[in-house]
PDB file of N, CA and C in Angstrom:
ATOM      1  N   UNK A   1     158.910-123.140 -38.219  1.00  0.00           N
ATOM      2  CA  UNK A   1     158.225-122.078 -38.052  1.00  0.00           C
ATOM      3  C   UNK A   1     157.253-121.438 -37.089  1.00  0.00           C
ATOM      4  N   UNK A   2     157.812-120.209 -36.194  1.00  0.00           N
ATOM      5  CA  UNK A   2     157.368-120.154 -35.133  1.00  0.00           C
ATOM      6  C   UNK A   2     156.593-119.460 -35.405  1.00  0.00           C
ATOM      7  N   UNK A   3     155.339-119.962 -34.031  1.00  0.00           N
ATOM      8  CA  UNK A   3     154.206-119.172 -34.556  1.00  0.00           C
ATOM      9  C   UNK A   3     154.225-118.091 -34.127  1.00  0.00           C
ATOM     10  N   UNK A   4     155.302-116.903 -34.182  1.00  0.00           N
ATOM     11  CA  UNK A   4     154.921-115.424 -34.383  1.00  0.00           C
ATOM     12  C   UNK A   4     155.210-114.984 -35.949  1.00  0.00           C
ATOM     13  N   UNK A   5     155.639-116.347 -36.176  1.00  0.00           N
ATOM     14  CA  UNK A   5     155.571-115.875 -38.165  1.00  0.00           C
ATOM     15  C   UNK A   5     154.730-116.347 -38.838  1.00  0.00           C
ATOM     16  N   UNK A   6     154.105-116.758 -38.737  1.00  0.00           N
ATOM     17  CA  UNK A   6     152.587-117.255 -39.061  1.00  0.00           C
ATOM     18  C   UNK A   6     151.623-115.872 -39.267  1.00  0.00           C
ATOM     19  N   UNK A   7     151.051-115.470 -40.560  1.00  0.00           N
ATOM     20  CA  UNK A   7     150.395-114.231 -41.005  1.00  0.00           C
ATOM     21  C   UNK A   7     148.793-114.269 -40.840  1.00  0.00           C
ATOM     22  N   UNK A   8     148.345-113.727 -40.262  1.00  0.00           N
ATOM     23  CA  UNK A   8     146.578-114.548 -39.759  1.00  0.00           C
ATOM     24  C   UNK A   8     145.936-113.791 -41.566  1.00  0.00           C
ATOM     25  N   UNK A   9     145.556-114.166 -41.787  1.00  0.00           N
ATOM     26  CA  UNK A   9     144.452-114.904 -43.827  1.00  0.00           C
ATOM     27  C   UNK A   9     143.987-115.725 -44.063  1.00  0.00           C
ATOM     28  N   UNK A  10     143.148-116.031 -44.535  1.00  0.00           N
ATOM     29  CA  UNK A  10     141.625-117.080 -44.765  1.00  0.00           C
ATOM     30  C   UNK A  10     142.207-118.346 -44.463  1.00  0.00           C
ATOM     31  N   UNK A  11     143.751-118.138 -44.112  1.00  0.00           N
ATOM     32  CA  UNK A  11     143.677-119.554 -43.773  1.00  0.00           C
ATOM     33  C   UNK A  11     142.913-120.307 -42.446  1.00  0.00           C
ATOM     34  N   UNK A  12     142.523-121.469 -43.047  1.00  0.00           N
ATOM     35  CA  UNK A  12     141.583-121.946 -41.860  1.00  0.00           C
ATOM     36  C   UNK A  12     142.428-122.977 -40.534  1.00  0.00           C
ATOM     37  N   UNK A  13     143.110-123.755 -41.177  1.00  0.00           N
ATOM     38  CA  UNK A  13     143.742-124.751 -40.560  1.00  0.00           C
ATOM     39  C   UNK A  13     145.426-124.687 -40.508  1.00  0.00           C
ATOM     40  N   UNK A  14     146.421-125.472 -39.788  1.00  0.00           N
ATOM     41  CA  UNK A  14     147.423-125.230 -40.081  1.00  0.00           C
ATOM     42  C   UNK A  14     147.789-126.899 -41.727  1.00  0.00           C
ATOM     43  N   UNK A  15     146.449-127.731 -41.706  1.00  0.00           N
ATOM     44  CA  UNK A  15     146.565-128.285 -42.795  1.00  0.00           C
ATOM     45  C   UNK A  15     146.756-127.976 -43.465  1.00  0.00           C
ATOM     46  N   UNK A  16     147.177-128.111 -44.528  1.00  0.00           N
ATOM     47  CA  UNK A  16     146.296-127.046 -46.498  1.00  0.00           C
ATOM     48  C   UNK A  16     145.096-128.028 -47.209  1.00  0.00           C
ATOM     49  N   UNK A  17     144.439-127.243 -47.647  1.00  0.00           N
ATOM     50  CA  UNK A  17     143.162-128.360 -48.072  1.00  0.00           C
ATOM     51  C   UNK A  17     142.048-128.758 -47.213  1.00  0.00           C
ATOM     52  N   UNK A  18     141.910-128.440 -45.930  1.00  0.00           N
ATOM     53  CA  UNK A  18     141.527-128.564 -44.287  1.00  0.00           C
ATOM     54  C   UNK A  18     140.069-126.949 -44.744  1.00  0.00           C
ATOM     55  N   UNK A  19     138.846-127.814 -44.756  1.00  0.00           N
ATOM     56  CA  UNK A  19     138.245-126.663 -44.790  1.00  0.00           C
ATOM     57  C   UNK A  19     137.378-126.675 -43.592  1.00  0.00           C
ATOM     58  N   UNK A  20     136.992-125.802 -43.509  1.00  0.00           N
ATOM     59  CA  UNK A  20     136.182-125.244 -41.615  1.00  0.00           C
ATOM     60  C   UNK A  20     134.817-126.159 -42.174  1.00  0.00           C
ATOM     61  N   UNK A  21     134.097-126.624 -42.562  1.00  0.00           N
ATOM     62  CA  UNK A  21     132.917-128.249 -42.936  1.00  0.00           C
ATOM     63  C   UNK A  21     133.923-129.344 -42.278  1.00  0.00           C
ATOM     64  N   UNK A  22     134.888-129.310 -42.315  1.00  0.00           N
ATOM     65  CA  UNK A  22     135.198-131.181 -41.830  1.00  0.00           C
ATOM     66  C   UNK A  22     135.600-131.175 -40.981  1.00  0.00           C
ATOM     67  N   UNK A  23     136.392-129.881 -40.445  1.00  0.00           N
ATOM     68  CA  UNK A  23     137.112-130.635 -38.578  1.00  0.00           C
ATOM     69  C   UNK A  23     135.624-129.863 -37.485  1.00  0.00           C
ATOM     70  N   UNK A  24     136.079-130.853 -36.764  1.00  0.00           N
ATOM     71  CA  UNK A  24     135.190-130.642 -35.719  1.00  0.00           C
ATOM     72  C   UNK A  24     134.765-129.981 -34.733  1.00  0.00           C
ATOM     73  N   UNK A  25     134.067-129.256 -33.989  1.00  0.00           N
ATOM     74  CA  UNK A  25     134.116-128.034 -33.237  1.00  0.00           C
ATOM     75  C   UNK A  25     134.530-128.315 -31.989  1.00  0.00           C
ATOM     76  N   UNK A  26     135.414-127.382 -31.642  1.00  0.00           N
ATOM     77  CA  UNK A  26     136.200-127.599 -29.876  1.00  0.00           C
ATOM     78  C   UNK A  26     135.174-126.830 -28.960  1.00  0.00           C
ATOM     79  N   UNK A  27     134.523-127.265 -28.036  1.00  0.00           N
ATOM     80  CA  UNK A  27     134.120-125.659 -27.282  1.00  0.00           C
ATOM     81  C   UNK A  27     134.603-126.582 -25.890  1.00  0.00           C
ATOM     82  N   UNK A  28     134.398-125.149 -24.649  1.00  0.00           N
ATOM     83  CA  UNK A  28     134.459-126.053 -23.868  1.00  0.00           C
ATOM     84  C   UNK A  28     135.338-124.274 -22.511  1.00  0.00           C
ATOM     85  N   UNK A  29     133.984-124.443 -21.482  1.00  0.00           N
ATOM     86  CA  UNK A  29     133.977-122.802 -20.699  1.00  0.00           C
ATOM     87  C   UNK A  29     135.628-123.035 -19.760  1.00  0.00           C
ATOM     88  N   UNK A  30     136.468-122.165 -20.011  1.00  0.00           N
ATOM     89  CA  UNK A  30     137.585-121.671 -19.349  1.00  0.00           C
ATOM     90  C   UNK A  30     137.348-120.041 -18.698  1.00  0.00           C
ATOM     91  N   UNK A  31     138.166-119.738 -17.738  1.00  0.00           N
ATOM     92  CA  UNK A  31     138.406-119.084 -16.630  1.00  0.00           C
ATOM     93  C   UNK A  31     138.243-117.142 -17.729  1.00  0.00           C
ATOM     94  N   UNK A  32     138.091-116.646 -16.960  1.00  0.00           N
ATOM     95  CA  UNK A  32     137.828-115.396 -18.421  1.00  0.00           C
ATOM     96  C   UNK A  32     139.744-115.321 -17.868  1.00  0.00           C
ATOM     97  N   UNK A  33     140.793-115.308 -17.351  1.00  0.00           N
ATOM     98  CA  UNK A  33     141.454-115.018 -17.441  1.00  0.00           C
ATOM     99  C   UNK A  33     142.490-116.128 -18.441  1.00  0.00           C
ATOM    100  N   UNK A  34     142.154-117.134 -18.732  1.00  0.00           N
ATOM    101  CA  UNK A  34     142.462-118.395 -19.856  1.00  0.00           C
ATOM    102  C   UNK A  34     142.010-117.160 -20.996  1.00  0.00           C
ATOM    103  N   UNK A  35     140.756-117.037 -20.767  1.00  0.00           N
ATOM    104  CA  UNK A  35     140.650-117.168 -22.496  1.00  0.00           C
ATOM    105  C   UNK A  35     141.274-115.616 -22.666  1.00  0.00           C
ATOM    106  N   UNK A  36     141.018-114.876 -21.356  1.00  0.00           N
ATOM    107  CA  UNK A  36     141.905-113.280 -22.186  1.00  0.00           C
ATOM    108  C   UNK A  36     143.360-113.755 -23.249  1.00  0.00           C
ATOM    109  N   UNK A  37     144.493-114.950 -22.164  1.00  0.00           N
ATOM    110  CA  UNK A  37     145.319-115.101 -22.423  1.00  0.00           C
ATOM    111  C   UNK A  37     145.437-115.599 -23.916  1.00  0.00           C
ATOM    112  N   UNK A  38     144.321-116.680 -23.829  1.00  0.00           N
ATOM    113  CA  UNK A  38     144.540-117.658 -25.525  1.00  0.00           C
ATOM    114  C   UNK A  38     144.301-116.490 -26.298  1.00  0.00           C
ATOM    115  N   UNK A  39     143.428-114.787 -26.166  1.00  0.00           N
ATOM    116  CA  UNK A  39     143.041-114.508 -27.351  1.00  0.00           C
ATOM    117  C   UNK A  39     144.632-113.291 -27.118  1.00  0.00           C
ATOM    118  N   UNK A  40     144.899-113.054 -26.399  1.00  0.00           N
ATOM    119  CA  UNK A  40     146.338-112.358 -25.973  1.00  0.00           C
ATOM    120  C   UNK A  40     146.987-112.812 -27.374  1.00  0.00           C
ATOM    121  N   UNK A  41     147.583-114.020 -26.591  1.00  0.00           N
ATOM    122  CA  UNK A  41     148.603-114.596 -27.732  1.00  0.00           C
ATOM    123  C   UNK A  41     148.274-114.416 -29.197  1.00  0.00           C
ATOM    124  N   UNK A  42     146.920-114.950 -29.475  1.00  0.00           N
ATOM    125  CA  UNK A  42     146.234-115.086 -31.087  1.00  0.00           C
ATOM    126  C   UNK A  42     146.854-113.708 -31.873  1.00  0.00           C
ATOM    127  N   UNK A  43     146.059-113.046 -31.291  1.00  0.00           N
ATOM    128  CA  UNK A  43     145.930-111.489 -31.521  1.00  0.00           C
ATOM    129  C   UNK A  43     147.861-111.033 -31.860  1.00  0.00           C
ATOM    130  N   UNK A  44     148.849-111.181 -30.256  1.00  0.00           N
ATOM    131  CA  UNK A  44     150.101-110.629 -30.651  1.00  0.00           C
ATOM    132  C   UNK A  44     150.943-111.606 -31.924  1.00  0.00           C
ATOM    133  N   UNK A  45     150.133-112.733 -31.713  1.00  0.00           N
ATOM    134  CA  UNK A  45     150.634-113.895 -33.387  1.00  0.00           C
ATOM    135  C   UNK A  45     150.378-113.095 -34.495  1.00  0.00           C
ATOM    136  N   UNK A  46     149.368-112.155 -34.121  1.00  0.00           N
ATOM    137  CA  UNK A  46     148.761-112.653 -35.638  1.00  0.00           C
ATOM    138  C   UNK A  46     147.639-113.377 -36.694  1.00  0.00           C
ATOM    139  N   UNK A  47     147.727-114.964 -35.373  1.00  0.00           N
ATOM    140  CA  UNK A  47     146.325-115.240 -36.115  1.00  0.00           C
ATOM    141  C   UNK A  47     145.271-115.569 -35.502  1.00  0.00           C
ATOM    142  N   UNK A  48     143.843-116.167 -36.046  1.00  0.00           N
ATOM    143  CA  UNK A  48     142.821-116.285 -35.025  1.00  0.00           C
ATOM    144  C   UNK A  48     142.804-117.351 -33.780  1.00  0.00           C
ATOM    145  N   UNK A  49     142.101-117.354 -32.994  1.00  0.00           N
ATOM    146  CA  UNK A  49     142.032-117.874 -31.937  1.00  0.00           C
ATOM    147  C   UNK A  49     142.241-119.298 -31.841  1.00  0.00           C
ATOM    148  N   UNK A  50     142.131-119.868 -33.303  1.00  0.00           N
ATOM    149  CA  UNK A  50     141.615-121.462 -33.630  1.00  0.00           C
ATOM    150  C   UNK A  50     142.722-121.629 -34.253  1.00  0.00           C
ATOM    151  N   UNK A  51     143.515-121.175 -35.331  1.00  0.00           N
ATOM    152  CA  UNK A  51     144.774-121.323 -35.162  1.00  0.00           C
ATOM    153  C   UNK A  51     146.252-121.920 -34.861  1.00  0.00           C
ATOM    154  N   UNK A  52     145.225-120.394 -34.152  1.00  0.00           N
ATOM    155  CA  UNK A  52     146.552-120.397 -32.597  1.00  0.00           C
ATOM    156  C   UNK A  52     146.414-121.299 -31.897  1.00  0.00           C
ATOM    157  N   UNK A  53     145.260-121.879 -31.435  1.00  0.00           N
ATOM    158  CA  UNK A  53     145.110-123.026 -30.451  1.00  0.00           C
ATOM    159  C   UNK A  53     145.655-124.392 -31.356  1.00  0.00           C
ATOM    160  N   UNK A  54     145.291-124.469 -32.416  1.00  0.00           N
ATOM    161  CA  UNK A  54     145.812-125.621 -33.404  1.00  0.00           C
ATOM    162  C   UNK A  54     147.640-125.855 -33.494  1.00  0.00           C
ATOM    163  N   UNK A  55     147.877-124.651 -33.235  1.00  0.00           N
ATOM    164  CA  UNK A  55     149.550-124.590 -33.857  1.00  0.00           C
ATOM    165  C   UNK A  55     150.177-124.762 -32.119  1.00  0.00           C
ATOM    166  N   UNK A  56     149.862-124.196 -31.002  1.00  0.00           N
ATOM    167  CA  UNK A  56     150.314-124.745 -29.587  1.00  0.00           C
ATOM    168  C   UNK A  56     149.441-125.713 -29.189  1.00  0.00           C
ATOM    169  N   UNK A  57     148.862-127.303 -29.717  1.00  0.00           N
ATOM    170  CA  UNK A  57     148.824-128.217 -30.027  1.00  0.00           C
ATOM    171  C   UNK A  57     149.864-129.257 -30.951  1.00  0.00           C
ATOM    172  N   UNK A  58     150.059-128.654 -31.897  1.00  0.00           N
ATOM    173  CA  UNK A  58     151.089-129.185 -32.991  1.00  0.00           C
ATOM    174  C   UNK A  58     152.997-128.695 -32.190  1.00  0.00           C
ATOM    175  N   UNK A  59     152.400-127.670 -31.628  1.00  0.00           N
ATOM    176  CA  UNK A  59     154.491-127.332 -30.993  1.00  0.00           C
ATOM    177  C   UNK A  59     154.301-128.351 -29.766  1.00  0.00           C
ATOM    178  N   UNK A  60     153.162-128.346 -28.756  1.00  0.00           N
ATOM    179  CA  UNK A  60     153.753-129.642 -28.134  1.00  0.00           C
ATOM    180  C   UNK A  60     153.745-130.654 -28.169  1.00  0.00           C
ATOM    181  N   UNK A  61     153.199-131.094 -28.697  1.00  0.00           N
ATOM    182  CA  UNK A  61     153.116-132.721 -29.608  1.00  0.00           C
ATOM    183  C   UNK A  61     154.208-132.842 -30.324  1.00  0.00           C
ATOM    184  N   UNK A  62     155.096-131.530 -30.580  1.00  0.00           N
ATOM    185  CA  UNK A  62     156.363-131.752 -31.084  1.00  0.00           C
ATOM    186  C   UNK A  62     157.880-132.016 -29.609  1.00  0.00           C
ATOM    187  N   UNK A  63     157.168-131.176 -28.831  1.00  0.00           N
ATOM    188  CA  UNK A  63     158.032-131.090 -27.726  1.00  0.00           C
ATOM    189  C   UNK A  63     157.785-132.237 -26.467  1.00  0.00           C
ATOM    190  N   UNK A  64     157.005-133.464 -27.131  1.00  0.00           N
ATOM    191  CA  UNK A  64     156.817-134.436 -26.167  1.00  0.00           C
ATOM    192  C   UNK A  64     155.245-135.277 -26.198  1.00  0.00           C
ATOM    193  N   UNK A  65     154.254-134.012 -26.826  1.00  0.00           N
ATOM    194  CA  UNK A  65     153.316-134.100 -26.153  1.00  0.00           C
ATOM    195  C   UNK A  65     152.753-133.468 -25.675  1.00  0.00           C
ATOM    196  N   UNK A  66     151.426-133.782 -25.296  1.00  0.00           N
ATOM    197  CA  UNK A  66     150.147-132.600 -24.436  1.00  0.00           C
ATOM    198  C   UNK A  66     150.856-133.150 -22.892  1.00  0.00           C
ATOM    199  N   UNK A  67     150.224-132.176 -22.404  1.00  0.00           N
ATOM    200  CA  UNK A  67     150.962-132.547 -20.883  1.00  0.00           C
ATOM    201  C   UNK A  67     149.324-132.525 -20.395  1.00  0.00           C
ATOM    202  N   UNK A  68     149.437-133.761 -19.663  1.00  0.00           N
ATOM    203  CA  UNK A  68     148.935-134.534 -18.808  1.00  0.00           C
ATOM    204  C   UNK A  68     148.456-133.353 -17.178  1.00  0.00           C
ATOM    205  N   UNK A  69     147.625-133.347 -16.963  1.00  0.00           N
ATOM    206  CA  UNK A  69     147.113-132.289 -15.397  1.00  0.00           C
ATOM    207  C   UNK A  69     146.655-133.025 -14.305  1.00  0.00           C
ATOM    208  N   UNK A  70     146.467-132.392 -13.788  1.00  0.00           N
ATOM    209  CA  UNK A  70     145.869-133.393 -12.620  1.00  0.00           C
ATOM    210  C   UNK A  70     144.448-133.156 -12.783  1.00  0.00           C
ATOM    211  N   UNK A  71     143.547-134.211 -12.098  1.00  0.00           N
ATOM    212  CA  UNK A  71     142.464-133.584 -11.820  1.00  0.00           C
ATOM    213  C   UNK A  71     141.726-132.340 -10.560  1.00  0.00           C
ATOM    214  N   UNK A  72     140.447-131.878 -10.914  1.00  0.00           N
ATOM    215  CA  UNK A  72     140.502-131.030 -10.028  1.00  0.00           C
ATOM    216  C   UNK A  72     139.707-131.882  -8.822  1.00  0.00           C
ATOM    217  N   UNK A  73     140.543-131.433  -7.539  1.00  0.00           N
ATOM    218  CA  UNK A  73     140.282-131.328  -6.431  1.00  0.00           C
ATOM    219  C   UNK A  73     138.988-130.033  -5.397  1.00  0.00           C
ATOM    220  N   UNK A  74     138.362-130.576  -5.014  1.00  0.00           N
ATOM    221  CA  UNK A  74     136.919-129.540  -4.475  1.00  0.00           C
ATOM    222  C   UNK A  74     137.229-128.999  -3.453  1.00  0.00           C
ATOM    223  N   UNK A  75     137.429-127.778  -3.365  1.00  0.00           N
ATOM    224  CA  UNK A  75     137.473-126.810  -2.438  1.00  0.00           C
ATOM    225  C   UNK A  75     137.108-127.112  -1.155  1.00  0.00           C
ATOM    226  N   UNK A  76     137.449-127.588   0.048  1.00  0.00           N
ATOM    227  CA  UNK A  76     136.177-128.171   1.309  1.00  0.00           C
ATOM    228  C   UNK A  76     136.301-126.787   1.987  1.00  0.00           C
ATOM    229  N   UNK A  77     134.902-126.653   1.902  1.00  0.00           N
ATOM    230  CA  UNK A  77     134.308-125.239   2.355  1.00  0.00           C
ATOM    231  C   UNK A  77     135.101-125.459   3.825  1.00  0.00           C
ATOM    232  N   UNK A  78     135.668-123.919   4.571  1.00  0.00           N
ATOM    233  CA  UNK A  78     135.160-123.685   6.141  1.00  0.00           C
ATOM    234  C   UNK A  78     134.851-124.541   7.076  1.00  0.00           C
ATOM    235  N   UNK A  79     134.679-125.060   8.113  1.00  0.00           N
ATOM    236  CA  UNK A  79     133.923-125.041   9.177  1.00  0.00           C
ATOM    237  C   UNK A  79     133.468-123.920  10.181  1.00  0.00           C
ATOM    238  N   UNK A  80     132.690-123.820  10.114  1.00  0.00           N
ATOM    239  CA  UNK A  80     131.877-123.157  10.637  1.00  0.00           C
ATOM    240  C   UNK A  80     131.691-123.519  12.351  1.00  0.00           C
ATOM    241  N   UNK A  81     132.953-122.957  13.132  1.00  0.00           N
ATOM    242  CA  UNK A  81     132.482-123.539  14.492  1.00  0.00           C
ATOM    243  C   UNK A  81     131.618-122.552  15.274  1.00  0.00           C
ATOM    244  N   UNK A  82     130.779-121.685  15.216  1.00  0.00           N
ATOM    245  CA  UNK A  82     130.079-121.114  16.189  1.00  0.00           C
ATOM    246  C   UNK A  82     128.961-121.287  15.568  1.00  0.00           C
ATOM    247  N   UNK A  83     128.679-121.685  14.349  1.00  0.00           N
ATOM    248  CA  UNK A  83     127.592-122.333  14.180  1.00  0.00           C
ATOM    249  C   UNK A  83     127.165-123.687  14.489  1.00  0.00           C
ATOM    250  N   UNK A  84     128.027-124.590  14.538  1.00  0.00           N
ATOM    251  CA  UNK A  84     127.716-125.676  15.155  1.00  0.00           C
ATOM    252  C   UNK A  84     127.880-125.715  16.456  1.00  0.00           C
ATOM    253  N   UNK A  85     128.865-124.730  17.270  1.00  0.00           N
ATOM    254  CA  UNK A  85     128.730-125.661  18.592  1.00  0.00           C
ATOM    255  C   UNK A  85     127.046-124.490  18.980  1.00  0.00           C
ATOM    256  N   UNK A  86     126.444-123.079  18.354  1.00  0.00           N
ATOM    257  CA  UNK A  86     125.246-122.972  18.617  1.00  0.00           C
ATOM    258  C   UNK A  86     124.022-124.148  18.579  1.00  0.00           C
ATOM    259  N   UNK A  87     124.447-125.477  17.633  1.00  0.00           N
ATOM    260  CA  UNK A  87     122.709-125.802  17.163  1.00  0.00           C
ATOM    261  C   UNK A  87     123.757-126.649  18.409  1.00  0.00           C
ATOM    262  N   UNK A  88     124.835-127.314  18.230  1.00  0.00           N
ATOM    263  CA  UNK A  88     125.078-128.568  19.705  1.00  0.00           C
ATOM    264  C   UNK A  88     124.767-127.584  20.840  1.00  0.00           C
ATOM    265  N   UNK A  89     124.471-126.475  21.154  1.00  0.00           N
ATOM    266  CA  UNK A  89     124.130-126.219  22.607  1.00  0.00           C
ATOM    267  C   UNK A  89     122.278-125.969  22.289  1.00  0.00           C
ATOM    268  N   UNK A  90     122.213-125.551  21.637  1.00  0.00           N
ATOM    269  CA  UNK A  90     120.530-126.058  21.696  1.00  0.00           C
ATOM    270  C   UNK A  90     120.056-127.351  21.699  1.00  0.00           C
ATOM    271  N   UNK A  91     120.661-127.852  21.723  1.00  0.00           N
ATOM    272  CA  UNK A  91     120.340-129.087  21.331  1.00  0.00           C
ATOM    273  C   UNK A  91     120.401-129.873  23.186  1.00  0.00           C
TER     274      UNK A  91
END
């Protein structure tokens, strides 16, 4: 079954008989563009975002597992050579 074939309804999980109280809460902060992408995909699929994310994980697992991603690297701020020169010239 494709994600697009799923109709939105009272189903809270792709697993039959699972109650909301039995499921753990998943929370995370993401950039607005990522949230918009998930909302749009869920809306176009006709399902809730939680159902969409559960289905997405299942699809990825069927294709070999969830992908590993690189660790974030802190952006190095550019050196302000003018203020560095000014502070060394003053010394």
